Amino acid sequence: MLGELDIRVFNLQFAALTSKAALEKRATALSMDESAFGMFYQQTFRPLLRYLVAVTRQPDRAEDILQEAYCRLLTASCHEMDEQQTRAYLFRIATNLVRDRWRRGNELPLPENSEEVSPTNPAFDDKLHVRQAFERLKPRERQLLWLAYVEGSSHKEIAECTGLRTGSIRLLLFRARRKLLDLVRTRLTTKVQK
């Protein structure tokens, strides 16, 4: 696994160094040496990849967006940031890349009547229903819930990642939670009636 991580870090650094834009912006780009970037990458790539997979529902596209987000981070012209600000900026870049793909229509919608697996383990069945309900949420709702409850981000951090106002996050999270709960209840009610 560590070898794969080293290869990814090298590929990202190579892409950043060889891009024409990176060469032009090198003087003002984010100042992070190879070891600092390696540490930052190790700390952030798993949470960012999980976030992207949850939002896009497509692991291959999530990995593409992940790599592009790191390349853009490395070539960005920005002021000095601490680690938390850099992490929020990285998530913001990734969020914008996902949003761009949605606008271009590159994301496939989830079919309304997707096939459901009915395993014998009831706990697994409940988790499956929650996952299916989560997938039926709008991308923004999935994004907010993931950042808040899986990543443990504060409202301020979510606002920085998504570009929304901090004051809006509380209401949007409330609505997303309520919608998820309604979807789960609908599934469980349907399951009980069967």
N, C-alpha and C. Protein backbone atom coordinates (compact mmCIF):
# COMPACT_ATOMS: atom_id res chain seq x y z
N MET A 1 0.82 -1.20 0.00
CA MET A 1 0.00 0.00 0.00
C MET A 1 0.86 1.25 0.00
N LEU A 2 1.95 1.23 0.78
CA LEU A 2 2.82 2.39 0.84
C LEU A 2 3.45 2.66 -0.51
N GLY A 3 3.79 1.62 -1.26
CA GLY A 3 4.35 1.80 -2.59
C GLY A 3 3.38 2.50 -3.51
N GLU A 4 2.12 2.13 -3.44
CA GLU A 4 1.08 2.78 -4.25
C GLU A 4 0.94 4.24 -3.86
N LEU A 5 1.01 4.54 -2.57
CA LEU A 5 0.93 5.91 -2.09
C LEU A 5 2.09 6.73 -2.61
N ASP A 6 3.30 6.17 -2.56
CA ASP A 6 4.47 6.87 -3.07
C ASP A 6 4.33 7.16 -4.56
N ILE A 7 3.79 6.20 -5.30
CA ILE A 7 3.60 6.39 -6.75
C ILE A 7 2.59 7.51 -7.00
N ARG A 8 1.48 7.53 -6.24
CA ARG A 8 0.48 8.59 -6.41
C ARG A 8 1.07 9.96 -6.10
N VAL A 9 1.82 10.05 -5.01
CA VAL A 9 2.44 11.32 -4.64
C VAL A 9 3.39 11.76 -5.74
N PHE A 10 4.21 10.84 -6.23
CA PHE A 10 5.15 11.16 -7.30
C PHE A 10 4.41 11.61 -8.56
N ASN A 11 3.36 10.87 -8.95
CA ASN A 11 2.60 11.23 -10.14
C ASN A 11 1.99 12.62 -10.01
N LEU A 12 1.45 12.93 -8.84
CA LEU A 12 0.84 14.25 -8.64
C LEU A 12 1.90 15.34 -8.69
N GLN A 13 3.04 15.10 -8.07
CA GLN A 13 4.11 16.09 -8.10
C GLN A 13 4.65 16.26 -9.51
N PHE A 14 4.80 15.16 -10.22
CA PHE A 14 5.29 15.23 -11.59
C PHE A 14 4.33 16.01 -12.47
N ALA A 15 3.04 15.72 -12.34
CA ALA A 15 2.03 16.43 -13.13
C ALA A 15 2.05 17.91 -12.83
N ALA A 16 2.20 18.25 -11.56
CA ALA A 16 2.21 19.66 -11.18
C ALA A 16 3.45 20.37 -11.71
N LEU A 17 4.59 19.69 -11.68
CA LEU A 17 5.82 20.31 -12.12
C LEU A 17 5.90 20.45 -13.63
N THR A 18 5.29 19.54 -14.36
CA THR A 18 5.42 19.56 -15.80
C THR A 18 4.33 20.34 -16.52
N SER A 19 3.27 20.67 -15.83
CA SER A 19 2.22 21.43 -16.52
C SER A 19 2.72 22.84 -16.81
N LYS A 20 2.33 23.37 -17.92
CA LYS A 20 2.77 24.69 -18.34
C LYS A 20 2.32 25.75 -17.35
N ALA A 21 1.09 25.62 -16.90
CA ALA A 21 0.57 26.58 -15.93
C ALA A 21 1.36 26.54 -14.63
N ALA A 22 1.76 25.36 -14.23
CA ALA A 22 2.52 25.22 -12.99
C ALA A 22 3.87 25.90 -13.10
N LEU A 23 4.51 25.78 -14.26
CA LEU A 23 5.81 26.42 -14.44
C LEU A 23 5.68 27.93 -14.38
N GLU A 24 4.59 28.46 -14.94
CA GLU A 24 4.39 29.90 -14.91
C GLU A 24 4.05 30.40 -13.52
N LYS A 25 3.34 29.59 -12.73
CA LYS A 25 2.88 30.01 -11.41
C LYS A 25 3.79 29.52 -10.29
N ARG A 26 4.85 28.85 -10.60
CA ARG A 26 5.68 28.19 -9.58
C ARG A 26 6.11 29.14 -8.47
N ALA A 27 6.41 30.37 -8.81
CA ALA A 27 6.89 31.31 -7.80
C ALA A 27 5.82 31.65 -6.77
N THR A 28 4.55 31.69 -7.20
CA THR A 28 3.48 32.08 -6.29
C THR A 28 2.64 30.90 -5.83
N ALA A 29 2.96 29.70 -6.26
CA ALA A 29 2.16 28.53 -5.90
C ALA A 29 2.33 28.19 -4.42
N LEU A 30 1.45 27.35 -3.94
CA LEU A 30 1.46 26.90 -2.56
C LEU A 30 2.85 26.37 -2.23
N SER A 31 3.47 26.93 -1.18
CA SER A 31 4.83 26.51 -0.84
C SER A 31 4.76 25.28 0.07
N MET A 32 5.06 24.14 -0.52
CA MET A 32 5.02 22.88 0.21
C MET A 32 6.09 21.99 -0.39
N ASP A 33 7.08 21.63 0.42
CA ASP A 33 8.13 20.76 -0.11
C ASP A 33 7.61 19.33 -0.24
N GLU A 34 8.43 18.46 -0.80
CA GLU A 34 8.01 17.09 -1.10
C GLU A 34 7.57 16.32 0.15
N SER A 35 8.32 16.43 1.22
CA SER A 35 7.95 15.69 2.43
C SER A 35 6.69 16.27 3.07
N ALA A 36 6.55 17.59 3.05
CA ALA A 36 5.35 18.21 3.62
C ALA A 36 4.12 17.80 2.80
N PHE A 37 4.27 17.78 1.48
CA PHE A 37 3.15 17.36 0.64
C PHE A 37 2.82 15.89 0.89
N GLY A 38 3.85 15.06 1.01
CA GLY A 38 3.62 13.64 1.29
C GLY A 38 2.85 13.43 2.57
N MET A 39 3.21 14.16 3.61
CA MET A 39 2.49 14.07 4.89
C MET A 39 1.05 14.57 4.74
N PHE A 40 0.89 15.71 4.07
CA PHE A 40 -0.44 16.28 3.86
C PHE A 40 -1.30 15.31 3.04
N TYR A 41 -0.72 14.72 2.02
CA TYR A 41 -1.44 13.76 1.19
C TYR A 41 -1.89 12.55 2.01
N GLN A 42 -0.99 12.01 2.82
CA GLN A 42 -1.34 10.85 3.64
C GLN A 42 -2.47 11.16 4.61
N GLN A 43 -2.52 12.38 5.12
CA GLN A 43 -3.55 12.77 6.07
C GLN A 43 -4.89 13.06 5.39
N THR A 44 -4.87 13.46 4.14
CA THR A 44 -6.10 13.94 3.50
C THR A 44 -6.65 13.07 2.38
N PHE A 45 -5.84 12.19 1.78
CA PHE A 45 -6.35 11.51 0.60
C PHE A 45 -7.48 10.54 0.92
N ARG A 46 -7.42 9.83 2.03
CA ARG A 46 -8.50 8.88 2.36
C ARG A 46 -9.82 9.60 2.66
N PRO A 47 -9.81 10.62 3.54
CA PRO A 47 -11.08 11.33 3.78
C PRO A 47 -11.63 11.99 2.51
N LEU A 48 -10.74 12.56 1.70
CA LEU A 48 -11.20 13.22 0.48
C LEU A 48 -11.75 12.18 -0.51
N LEU A 49 -11.09 11.04 -0.65
CA LEU A 49 -11.57 10.01 -1.55
C LEU A 49 -12.92 9.45 -1.08
N ARG A 50 -13.05 9.20 0.23
CA ARG A 50 -14.34 8.72 0.76
C ARG A 50 -15.44 9.74 0.48
N TYR A 51 -15.13 10.99 0.69
CA TYR A 51 -16.09 12.07 0.42
C TYR A 51 -16.49 12.07 -1.06
N LEU A 52 -15.52 11.99 -1.94
CA LEU A 52 -15.81 12.03 -3.37
C LEU A 52 -16.60 10.80 -3.83
N VAL A 53 -16.27 9.63 -3.31
CA VAL A 53 -17.03 8.43 -3.66
C VAL A 53 -18.46 8.55 -3.16
N ALA A 54 -18.64 9.08 -1.96
CA ALA A 54 -19.99 9.24 -1.41
C ALA A 54 -20.81 10.23 -2.23
N VAL A 55 -20.17 11.27 -2.69
CA VAL A 55 -20.90 12.30 -3.43
C VAL A 55 -21.14 11.89 -4.88
N THR A 56 -20.13 11.32 -5.54
CA THR A 56 -20.28 10.97 -6.96
C THR A 56 -20.88 9.59 -7.17
N ARG A 57 -20.70 8.69 -6.20
CA ARG A 57 -21.14 7.29 -6.29
C ARG A 57 -20.41 6.51 -7.38
N GLN A 58 -19.27 7.02 -7.82
CA GLN A 58 -18.49 6.36 -8.86
C GLN A 58 -17.01 6.41 -8.47
N PRO A 59 -16.47 5.30 -7.97
CA PRO A 59 -15.08 5.30 -7.50
C PRO A 59 -14.05 5.74 -8.54
N ASP A 60 -14.24 5.37 -9.80
CA ASP A 60 -13.29 5.76 -10.83
C ASP A 60 -13.28 7.27 -11.02
N ARG A 61 -14.45 7.85 -11.11
CA ARG A 61 -14.52 9.31 -11.26
C ARG A 61 -14.02 10.01 -10.02
N ALA A 62 -14.29 9.43 -8.87
CA ALA A 62 -13.83 10.02 -7.61
C ALA A 62 -12.30 10.08 -7.60
N GLU A 63 -11.64 9.02 -8.06
CA GLU A 63 -10.17 9.02 -8.10
C GLU A 63 -9.64 10.04 -9.10
N ASP A 64 -10.31 10.19 -10.24
CA ASP A 64 -9.91 11.21 -11.21
C ASP A 64 -10.00 12.60 -10.61
N ILE A 65 -11.11 12.86 -9.93
CA ILE A 65 -11.31 14.17 -9.31
C ILE A 65 -10.30 14.38 -8.20
N LEU A 66 -10.01 13.33 -7.44
CA LEU A 66 -9.02 13.41 -6.37
C LEU A 66 -7.68 13.87 -6.92
N GLN A 67 -7.21 13.22 -7.97
CA GLN A 67 -5.92 13.59 -8.54
C GLN A 67 -5.93 15.00 -9.10
N GLU A 68 -7.00 15.36 -9.77
CA GLU A 68 -7.09 16.71 -10.32
C GLU A 68 -7.12 17.75 -9.21
N ALA A 69 -7.78 17.44 -8.12
CA ALA A 69 -7.85 18.38 -6.99
C ALA A 69 -6.46 18.62 -6.41
N TYR A 70 -5.68 17.56 -6.23
CA TYR A 70 -4.32 17.74 -5.70
C TYR A 70 -3.45 18.51 -6.69
N CYS A 71 -3.58 18.24 -7.97
CA CYS A 71 -2.80 18.98 -8.97
C CYS A 71 -3.15 20.46 -8.93
N ARG A 72 -4.43 20.75 -8.84
CA ARG A 72 -4.84 22.15 -8.78
C ARG A 72 -4.38 22.82 -7.49
N LEU A 73 -4.39 22.07 -6.41
CA LEU A 73 -3.90 22.61 -5.14
C LEU A 73 -2.43 22.98 -5.26
N LEU A 74 -1.64 22.09 -5.85
CA LEU A 74 -0.21 22.33 -5.97
C LEU A 74 0.12 23.49 -6.92
N THR A 75 -0.73 23.74 -7.90
CA THR A 75 -0.44 24.79 -8.87
C THR A 75 -1.18 26.08 -8.59
N ALA A 76 -1.97 26.10 -7.53
CA ALA A 76 -2.77 27.28 -7.22
C ALA A 76 -1.90 28.43 -6.72
N SER A 77 -2.27 29.63 -7.14
CA SER A 77 -1.64 30.83 -6.60
C SER A 77 -2.44 31.24 -5.39
N CYS A 78 -1.85 31.09 -4.23
CA CYS A 78 -2.59 31.43 -3.03
C CYS A 78 -1.63 31.89 -1.94
N HIS A 79 -2.20 32.56 -0.96
CA HIS A 79 -1.40 33.05 0.16
C HIS A 79 -1.05 31.90 1.10
N GLU A 80 -0.20 32.17 2.04
CA GLU A 80 0.18 31.15 3.02
C GLU A 80 -1.04 30.72 3.82
N MET A 81 -1.21 29.42 3.98
CA MET A 81 -2.33 28.87 4.73
C MET A 81 -1.80 27.85 5.71
N ASP A 82 -2.51 27.73 6.85
CA ASP A 82 -2.15 26.66 7.76
C ASP A 82 -2.74 25.35 7.24
N GLU A 83 -2.47 24.26 7.94
CA GLU A 83 -2.89 22.94 7.46
C GLU A 83 -4.41 22.82 7.33
N GLN A 84 -5.15 23.36 8.30
CA GLN A 84 -6.61 23.29 8.27
C GLN A 84 -7.17 24.09 7.10
N GLN A 85 -6.61 25.26 6.84
CA GLN A 85 -7.06 26.07 5.71
C GLN A 85 -6.74 25.38 4.38
N THR A 86 -5.57 24.76 4.31
CA THR A 86 -5.19 24.05 3.09
C THR A 86 -6.12 22.86 2.85
N ARG A 87 -6.49 22.15 3.92
CA ARG A 87 -7.43 21.03 3.81
C ARG A 87 -8.80 21.52 3.32
N ALA A 88 -9.28 22.61 3.91
CA ALA A 88 -10.57 23.17 3.48
C ALA A 88 -10.51 23.62 2.03
N TYR A 89 -9.37 24.22 1.63
CA TYR A 89 -9.20 24.66 0.26
C TYR A 89 -9.19 23.46 -0.70
N LEU A 90 -8.54 22.38 -0.30
CA LEU A 90 -8.51 21.16 -1.11
C LEU A 90 -9.92 20.60 -1.30
N PHE A 91 -10.69 20.52 -0.21
CA PHE A 91 -12.07 20.05 -0.31
C PHE A 91 -12.90 21.00 -1.18
N ARG A 92 -12.63 22.28 -1.11
CA ARG A 92 -13.35 23.26 -1.95
C ARG A 92 -13.03 23.02 -3.42
N ILE A 93 -11.77 22.79 -3.73
CA ILE A 93 -11.38 22.49 -5.11
C ILE A 93 -12.10 21.24 -5.60
N ALA A 94 -12.09 20.18 -4.78
CA ALA A 94 -12.74 18.92 -5.15
C ALA A 94 -14.25 19.13 -5.34
N THR A 95 -14.85 19.89 -4.45
CA THR A 95 -16.29 20.17 -4.55
C THR A 95 -16.60 20.90 -5.85
N ASN A 96 -15.78 21.87 -6.19
CA ASN A 96 -15.98 22.61 -7.44
C ASN A 96 -15.80 21.71 -8.66
N LEU A 97 -14.85 20.79 -8.61
CA LEU A 97 -14.66 19.86 -9.72
C LEU A 97 -15.87 18.94 -9.88
N VAL A 98 -16.41 18.46 -8.77
CA VAL A 98 -17.62 17.63 -8.82
C VAL A 98 -18.77 18.44 -9.41
N ARG A 99 -18.92 19.65 -8.92
CA ARG A 99 -20.00 20.53 -9.41
C ARG A 99 -19.86 20.77 -10.92
N ASP A 100 -18.63 20.96 -11.40
CA ASP A 100 -18.40 21.15 -12.83
C ASP A 100 -18.85 19.92 -13.63
N ARG A 101 -18.56 18.73 -13.11
CA ARG A 101 -18.98 17.51 -13.80
C ARG A 101 -20.49 17.36 -13.81
N TRP A 102 -21.14 17.75 -12.71
CA TRP A 102 -22.61 17.69 -12.69
C TRP A 102 -23.19 18.63 -13.73
N ARG A 103 -22.60 19.82 -13.84
CA ARG A 103 -23.10 20.81 -14.81
C ARG A 103 -22.94 20.32 -16.25
N ARG A 104 -21.82 19.64 -16.49
CA ARG A 104 -21.58 19.11 -17.84
C ARG A 104 -22.42 17.89 -18.13
N GLY A 105 -23.08 17.36 -17.11
CA GLY A 105 -23.92 16.18 -17.32
C GLY A 105 -23.15 14.89 -17.37
N ASN A 106 -21.95 14.86 -16.81
CA ASN A 106 -21.13 13.65 -16.83
C ASN A 106 -21.51 12.65 -15.75
N GLU A 107 -22.35 13.05 -14.81
CA GLU A 107 -22.75 12.15 -13.74
C GLU A 107 -24.03 11.44 -14.14
N LEU A 108 -24.06 10.15 -13.93
CA LEU A 108 -25.24 9.37 -14.26
C LEU A 108 -26.19 9.37 -13.08
N PRO A 109 -27.48 9.65 -13.29
CA PRO A 109 -28.41 9.63 -12.17
C PRO A 109 -28.67 8.20 -11.71
N LEU A 110 -29.01 8.07 -10.44
CA LEU A 110 -29.35 6.76 -9.88
C LEU A 110 -30.73 6.37 -10.39
N PRO A 111 -30.90 5.16 -10.91
CA PRO A 111 -32.23 4.73 -11.36
C PRO A 111 -33.22 4.77 -10.21
N GLU A 112 -34.45 5.17 -10.51
CA GLU A 112 -35.49 5.27 -9.48
C GLU A 112 -35.75 3.93 -8.81
N ASN A 113 -35.82 2.86 -9.57
CA ASN A 113 -36.13 1.54 -9.01
C ASN A 113 -34.92 0.63 -9.14
N SER A 114 -33.86 0.98 -8.38
CA SER A 114 -32.68 0.13 -8.45
C SER A 114 -32.96 -1.18 -7.73
N GLU A 115 -32.31 -2.23 -8.19
CA GLU A 115 -32.53 -3.55 -7.60
C GLU A 115 -32.00 -3.56 -6.17
N GLU A 116 -32.72 -4.21 -5.31
CA GLU A 116 -32.32 -4.28 -3.92
C GLU A 116 -31.96 -5.73 -3.57
N VAL A 117 -30.89 -5.86 -2.82
CA VAL A 117 -30.48 -7.17 -2.35
C VAL A 117 -31.09 -7.37 -0.97
N SER A 118 -31.62 -8.54 -0.72
CA SER A 118 -32.23 -8.81 0.58
C SER A 118 -31.44 -9.90 1.30
N PRO A 119 -30.37 -9.50 2.01
CA PRO A 119 -29.56 -10.49 2.71
C PRO A 119 -30.31 -11.03 3.92
N THR A 120 -29.78 -12.09 4.48
CA THR A 120 -30.43 -12.72 5.62
C THR A 120 -30.14 -12.01 6.93
N ASN A 121 -29.09 -11.22 7.00
CA ASN A 121 -28.73 -10.50 8.21
C ASN A 121 -29.53 -9.20 8.30
N PRO A 122 -30.41 -9.04 9.30
CA PRO A 122 -31.24 -7.84 9.41
C PRO A 122 -30.43 -6.56 9.61
N ALA A 123 -29.33 -6.63 10.34
CA ALA A 123 -28.50 -5.43 10.53
C ALA A 123 -27.92 -4.96 9.20
N PHE A 124 -27.48 -5.91 8.40
CA PHE A 124 -26.97 -5.56 7.08
C PHE A 124 -28.08 -4.97 6.22
N ASP A 125 -29.26 -5.53 6.32
CA ASP A 125 -30.41 -5.07 5.57
C ASP A 125 -30.73 -3.61 5.92
N ASP A 126 -30.68 -3.28 7.21
CA ASP A 126 -30.95 -1.91 7.63
C ASP A 126 -29.88 -0.95 7.10
N LYS A 127 -28.61 -1.38 7.15
CA LYS A 127 -27.53 -0.54 6.62
C LYS A 127 -27.71 -0.33 5.12
N LEU A 128 -28.15 -1.38 4.44
CA LEU A 128 -28.38 -1.27 3.01
C LEU A 128 -29.49 -0.27 2.72
N HIS A 129 -30.55 -0.30 3.51
CA HIS A 129 -31.65 0.66 3.31
C HIS A 129 -31.19 2.09 3.55
N VAL A 130 -30.36 2.30 4.56
CA VAL A 130 -29.84 3.63 4.82
C VAL A 130 -28.95 4.08 3.67
N ARG A 131 -28.11 3.17 3.19
CA ARG A 131 -27.23 3.52 2.05
C ARG A 131 -28.05 3.86 0.80
N GLN A 132 -29.08 3.07 0.51
CA GLN A 132 -29.92 3.35 -0.65
C GLN A 132 -30.66 4.66 -0.49
N ALA A 133 -31.12 4.95 0.71
CA ALA A 133 -31.78 6.23 0.96
C ALA A 133 -30.78 7.38 0.77
N PHE A 134 -29.56 7.20 1.25
CA PHE A 134 -28.51 8.22 1.09
C PHE A 134 -28.24 8.49 -0.39
N GLU A 135 -28.22 7.44 -1.19
CA GLU A 135 -27.95 7.59 -2.61
C GLU A 135 -29.09 8.30 -3.34
N ARG A 136 -30.27 8.30 -2.78
CA ARG A 136 -31.40 8.97 -3.41
C ARG A 136 -31.47 10.46 -3.09
N LEU A 137 -30.63 10.90 -2.17
CA LEU A 137 -30.57 12.33 -1.86
C LEU A 137 -29.94 13.08 -3.02
N LYS A 138 -30.20 14.38 -3.08
CA LYS A 138 -29.55 15.22 -4.08
C LYS A 138 -28.06 15.31 -3.75
N PRO A 139 -27.23 15.57 -4.74
CA PRO A 139 -25.78 15.63 -4.49
C PRO A 139 -25.41 16.61 -3.38
N ARG A 140 -26.02 17.78 -3.35
CA ARG A 140 -25.69 18.75 -2.31
C ARG A 140 -26.04 18.21 -0.93
N GLU A 141 -27.18 17.52 -0.81
CA GLU A 141 -27.59 16.95 0.48
C GLU A 141 -26.60 15.87 0.93
N ARG A 142 -26.18 15.01 -0.01
CA ARG A 142 -25.18 13.98 0.32
C ARG A 142 -23.88 14.64 0.77
N GLN A 143 -23.49 15.66 0.06
CA GLN A 143 -22.25 16.37 0.35
C GLN A 143 -22.28 16.95 1.77
N LEU A 144 -23.35 17.64 2.11
CA LEU A 144 -23.45 18.26 3.42
C LEU A 144 -23.46 17.22 4.55
N LEU A 145 -24.26 16.18 4.38
CA LEU A 145 -24.34 15.14 5.40
C LEU A 145 -22.99 14.44 5.57
N TRP A 146 -22.32 14.16 4.47
CA TRP A 146 -21.03 13.49 4.55
C TRP A 146 -20.01 14.34 5.29
N LEU A 147 -19.91 15.60 4.91
CA LEU A 147 -18.94 16.47 5.56
C LEU A 147 -19.24 16.64 7.05
N ALA A 148 -20.52 16.75 7.40
CA ALA A 148 -20.88 16.99 8.80
C ALA A 148 -20.73 15.75 9.66
N TYR A 149 -21.21 14.61 9.19
CA TYR A 149 -21.32 13.45 10.06
C TYR A 149 -20.28 12.37 9.84
N VAL A 150 -19.67 12.33 8.69
CA VAL A 150 -18.61 11.35 8.47
C VAL A 150 -17.25 12.00 8.70
N GLU A 151 -17.07 13.18 8.11
CA GLU A 151 -15.80 13.88 8.28
C GLU A 151 -15.75 14.67 9.59
N GLY A 152 -16.91 14.94 10.19
CA GLY A 152 -16.95 15.69 11.45
C GLY A 152 -16.61 17.16 11.30
N SER A 153 -16.86 17.72 10.13
CA SER A 153 -16.55 19.13 9.88
C SER A 153 -17.55 20.04 10.58
N SER A 154 -17.06 21.18 11.00
CA SER A 154 -17.93 22.18 11.62
C SER A 154 -18.71 22.90 10.52
N HIS A 155 -19.70 23.69 10.92
CA HIS A 155 -20.48 24.44 9.94
C HIS A 155 -19.59 25.40 9.16
N LYS A 156 -18.64 26.01 9.85
CA LYS A 156 -17.71 26.93 9.19
C LYS A 156 -16.86 26.19 8.15
N GLU A 157 -16.35 25.03 8.52
CA GLU A 157 -15.53 24.24 7.59
C GLU A 157 -16.35 23.78 6.39
N ILE A 158 -17.60 23.38 6.63
CA ILE A 158 -18.48 22.97 5.53
C ILE A 158 -18.71 24.15 4.60
N ALA A 159 -18.93 25.32 5.16
CA ALA A 159 -19.14 26.52 4.35
C ALA A 159 -17.91 26.81 3.49
N GLU A 160 -16.73 26.65 4.06
CA GLU A 160 -15.50 26.89 3.31
C GLU A 160 -15.34 25.88 2.17
N CYS A 161 -15.73 24.64 2.41
CA CYS A 161 -15.60 23.58 1.40
C CYS A 161 -16.62 23.73 0.27
N THR A 162 -17.81 24.16 0.61
CA THR A 162 -18.90 24.17 -0.36
C THR A 162 -19.16 25.52 -1.00
N GLY A 163 -18.65 26.58 -0.38
CA GLY A 163 -18.89 27.91 -0.91
C GLY A 163 -20.23 28.50 -0.47
N LEU A 164 -20.88 27.84 0.47
CA LEU A 164 -22.15 28.34 1.00
C LEU A 164 -21.88 29.24 2.20
N ARG A 165 -22.89 29.99 2.59
CA ARG A 165 -22.75 30.82 3.79
C ARG A 165 -22.83 29.94 5.03
N THR A 166 -22.07 30.29 6.03
CA THR A 166 -22.05 29.52 7.28
C THR A 166 -23.44 29.46 7.89
N GLY A 167 -24.17 30.55 7.85
CA GLY A 167 -25.52 30.59 8.41
C GLY A 167 -26.50 29.67 7.71
N SER A 168 -26.26 29.36 6.46
CA SER A 168 -27.16 28.49 5.68
C SER A 168 -26.95 27.01 5.99
N ILE A 169 -25.78 26.66 6.46
CA ILE A 169 -25.42 25.26 6.65
C ILE A 169 -26.36 24.57 7.63
N ARG A 170 -26.68 25.22 8.73
CA ARG A 170 -27.54 24.61 9.75
C ARG A 170 -28.89 24.22 9.17
N LEU A 171 -29.53 25.14 8.45
CA LEU A 171 -30.83 24.86 7.86
C LEU A 171 -30.74 23.78 6.78
N LEU A 172 -29.73 23.86 5.93
CA LEU A 172 -29.57 22.87 4.87
C LEU A 172 -29.30 21.48 5.44
N LEU A 173 -28.51 21.40 6.51
CA LEU A 173 -28.27 20.11 7.16
C LEU A 173 -29.55 19.57 7.79
N PHE A 174 -30.33 20.44 8.39
CA PHE A 174 -31.60 20.02 8.99
C PHE A 174 -32.51 19.41 7.91
N ARG A 175 -32.62 20.10 6.79
CA ARG A 175 -33.47 19.61 5.70
C ARG A 175 -32.94 18.29 5.13
N ALA A 176 -31.63 18.18 4.98
CA ALA A 176 -31.04 16.95 4.45
C ALA A 176 -31.26 15.78 5.40
N ARG A 177 -31.07 16.03 6.71
CA ARG A 177 -31.32 14.97 7.70
C ARG A 177 -32.79 14.54 7.68
N ARG A 178 -33.68 15.50 7.61
CA ARG A 178 -35.11 15.19 7.59
C ARG A 178 -35.47 14.39 6.35
N LYS A 179 -34.92 14.77 5.21
CA LYS A 179 -35.20 14.04 3.98
C LYS A 179 -34.65 12.62 4.04
N LEU A 180 -33.44 12.46 4.57
CA LEU A 180 -32.86 11.12 4.72
C LEU A 180 -33.72 10.28 5.65
N LEU A 181 -34.14 10.86 6.75
CA LEU A 181 -34.99 10.15 7.69
C LEU A 181 -36.31 9.73 7.03
N ASP A 182 -36.91 10.62 6.26
CA ASP A 182 -38.16 10.29 5.55
C ASP A 182 -37.95 9.14 4.57
N LEU A 183 -36.83 9.17 3.85
CA LEU A 183 -36.54 8.10 2.89
C LEU A 183 -36.33 6.77 3.61
N VAL A 184 -35.62 6.79 4.73
CA VAL A 184 -35.38 5.57 5.49
C VAL A 184 -36.70 5.04 6.06
N ARG A 185 -37.51 5.94 6.60
CA ARG A 185 -38.81 5.52 7.15
C ARG A 185 -39.70 4.92 6.07
N THR A 186 -39.70 5.52 4.89
CA THR A 186 -40.49 5.01 3.78
C THR A 186 -40.05 3.60 3.42
N ARG A 187 -38.73 3.39 3.37
CA ARG A 187 -38.19 2.06 3.06
C ARG A 187 -38.58 1.05 4.13
N LEU A 188 -38.43 1.45 5.40
CA LEU A 188 -38.76 0.52 6.48
C LEU A 188 -40.26 0.22 6.52
N THR A 189 -41.09 1.21 6.25
CA THR A 189 -42.53 1.00 6.22
C THR A 189 -42.90 0.03 5.08
N THR A 190 -42.27 0.24 3.92
CA THR A 190 -42.50 -0.65 2.79
C THR A 190 -42.04 -2.05 3.12
N LYS A 191 -40.91 -2.18 3.81
CA LYS A 191 -40.35 -3.49 4.19
C LYS A 191 -41.30 -4.21 5.16
N VAL A 192 -41.85 -3.47 6.12
CA VAL A 192 -42.75 -4.08 7.10
C VAL A 192 -44.04 -4.52 6.44
N GLN A 193 -44.53 -3.78 5.47
CA GLN A 193 -45.80 -4.12 4.79
C GLN A 193 -45.65 -5.36 3.92
N LYS A 194 -44.44 -5.63 3.45
CA LYS A 194 -44.21 -6.80 2.61
C LYS A 194 -44.31 -8.01 3.45
